[in-house]
Amino acid sequence: MHSARMARLKAKGWRSGSAAEFLGLSPQESYFIELKLKLSDDLKKRRATRNISQQQLAELIGSSQSRVAKMERGDASVSIDLLVRSLLAMGARPKDLARSIAV
């Protein structure tokens, strides 16, 4: 945001900050969410690179297309376990997962 606009908003009592500050997340909670989003992003990229549909991925992992869509969005209802298992089913190695979540 432009500094002039920030100054005007600050003068009116507005504050800015991160989503973690707004939600009151601990550093661990914030890192957990970031980790999950990185895995979700990696899954989406791998699926696109392999040129397979969400439906095809769903069949590969024994799930549904809508669940794959939630996985790729980083939906809160999706476990990290499911993301990791899906990445491994698509041929990712543990070393690839480590690279994916590296800060």
Protein backbone atom coordinates (compact mmCIF):
# COMPACT_ATOMS: atom_id res chain seq x y z
CA MET A 1 0.00 0.00 0.00
CA HIS A 2 1.25 3.51 -0.74
CA SER A 3 2.83 5.29 2.21
CA ALA A 4 0.61 8.39 1.81
CA ARG A 5 -2.51 6.26 2.01
CA MET A 6 -1.12 4.34 5.00
CA ALA A 7 -0.42 7.64 6.77
CA ARG A 8 -4.01 8.84 6.16
CA LEU A 9 -5.45 5.57 7.46
CA LYS A 10 -3.17 5.62 10.50
CA ALA A 11 -4.26 9.16 11.28
CA LYS A 12 -7.86 7.95 11.31
CA GLY A 13 -7.03 5.17 13.79
CA TRP A 14 -6.59 2.27 11.39
CA ARG A 15 -3.83 -0.25 11.92
CA SER A 16 -2.12 -2.66 9.55
CA GLY A 17 -0.56 -6.00 10.25
CA SER A 18 -0.28 -9.57 9.15
CA ALA A 19 -3.02 -12.18 9.03
CA ALA A 20 -1.27 -13.98 11.89
CA GLU A 21 -1.48 -10.85 14.05
CA PHE A 22 -5.14 -10.32 13.14
CA LEU A 23 -6.04 -13.92 13.96
CA GLY A 24 -3.81 -14.07 17.03
CA LEU A 25 -1.83 -17.03 15.74
CA SER A 26 1.24 -18.29 17.51
CA PRO A 27 4.43 -18.64 15.44
CA GLN A 28 3.86 -22.42 15.41
CA GLU A 29 0.29 -22.07 14.12
CA SER A 30 1.41 -19.61 11.49
CA TYR A 31 4.20 -21.93 10.32
CA PHE A 32 1.79 -24.90 10.24
CA ILE A 33 -0.56 -23.01 7.93
CA GLU A 34 2.34 -21.93 5.73
CA LEU A 35 3.55 -25.53 5.52
CA LYS A 36 0.11 -26.75 4.52
CA LEU A 37 -0.19 -24.08 1.82
CA LYS A 38 3.22 -25.02 0.40
CA LEU A 39 2.20 -28.67 0.16
CA SER A 40 -1.09 -27.69 -1.47
CA ASP A 41 0.70 -25.53 -4.00
CA ASP A 42 3.19 -28.32 -4.76
CA LEU A 43 0.35 -30.78 -5.33
CA LYS A 44 -1.35 -28.44 -7.77
CA LYS A 45 1.91 -27.80 -9.67
CA ARG A 46 2.75 -31.51 -9.86
CA ARG A 47 -0.71 -32.36 -11.13
CA ALA A 48 -0.49 -29.66 -13.80
CA THR A 49 3.02 -30.74 -14.80
CA ARG A 50 1.87 -34.33 -15.22
CA ASN A 51 -1.11 -32.99 -17.18
CA ILE A 52 -3.73 -34.95 -15.26
CA SER A 53 -7.14 -33.74 -14.18
CA GLN A 54 -8.36 -33.42 -10.63
CA GLN A 55 -10.66 -36.36 -11.35
CA GLN A 56 -7.73 -38.52 -12.47
CA LEU A 57 -5.78 -37.61 -9.34
CA ALA A 58 -8.83 -38.40 -7.22
CA GLU A 59 -9.04 -41.86 -8.77
CA LEU A 60 -5.32 -42.40 -8.19
CA ILE A 61 -5.63 -41.66 -4.46
CA GLY A 62 -9.10 -43.14 -3.94
CA SER A 63 -10.84 -39.84 -3.28
CA SER A 64 -13.20 -37.43 -5.01
CA GLN A 65 -12.58 -34.55 -7.41
CA SER A 66 -14.06 -32.08 -4.94
CA ARG A 67 -11.64 -33.30 -2.26
CA VAL A 68 -8.70 -32.77 -4.63
CA ALA A 69 -9.96 -29.24 -5.30
CA LYS A 70 -10.03 -28.60 -1.53
CA MET A 71 -6.53 -30.04 -1.21
CA GLU A 72 -5.20 -27.69 -3.88
CA ARG A 73 -6.86 -24.70 -2.18
CA GLY A 74 -5.34 -25.55 1.18
CA ASP A 75 -8.77 -25.98 2.75
CA ALA A 76 -8.72 -26.31 6.53
CA SER A 77 -10.60 -29.62 6.37
CA VAL A 78 -7.73 -31.31 4.50
CA SER A 79 -5.05 -32.97 6.62
CA ILE A 80 -1.35 -32.67 5.97
CA ASP A 81 -1.32 -36.47 5.98
CA LEU A 82 -3.63 -36.56 2.94
CA LEU A 83 -1.53 -33.95 1.14
CA VAL A 84 1.68 -35.91 1.75
CA ARG A 85 0.11 -39.23 0.73
CA SER A 86 -1.22 -37.63 -2.46
CA LEU A 87 2.16 -36.14 -3.33
CA LEU A 88 3.82 -39.52 -2.78
CA ALA A 89 1.18 -41.21 -4.95
CA MET A 90 2.10 -38.77 -7.72
CA GLY A 91 5.73 -39.82 -7.52
CA ALA A 92 7.19 -37.25 -5.15
CA ARG A 93 10.08 -38.50 -3.04
CA PRO A 94 10.70 -37.48 0.57
CA LYS A 95 13.52 -35.25 -0.71
CA ASP A 96 10.99 -33.47 -2.99
CA LEU A 97 8.67 -32.89 -0.04
CA ALA A 98 11.52 -31.42 1.99
CA ARG A 99 12.33 -29.02 -0.86
CA SER A 100 8.68 -28.07 -1.14
CA ILE A 101 8.34 -27.01 2.48
CA ALA A 102 11.79 -25.47 2.91
CA VAL A 103 11.60 -21.87 4.01
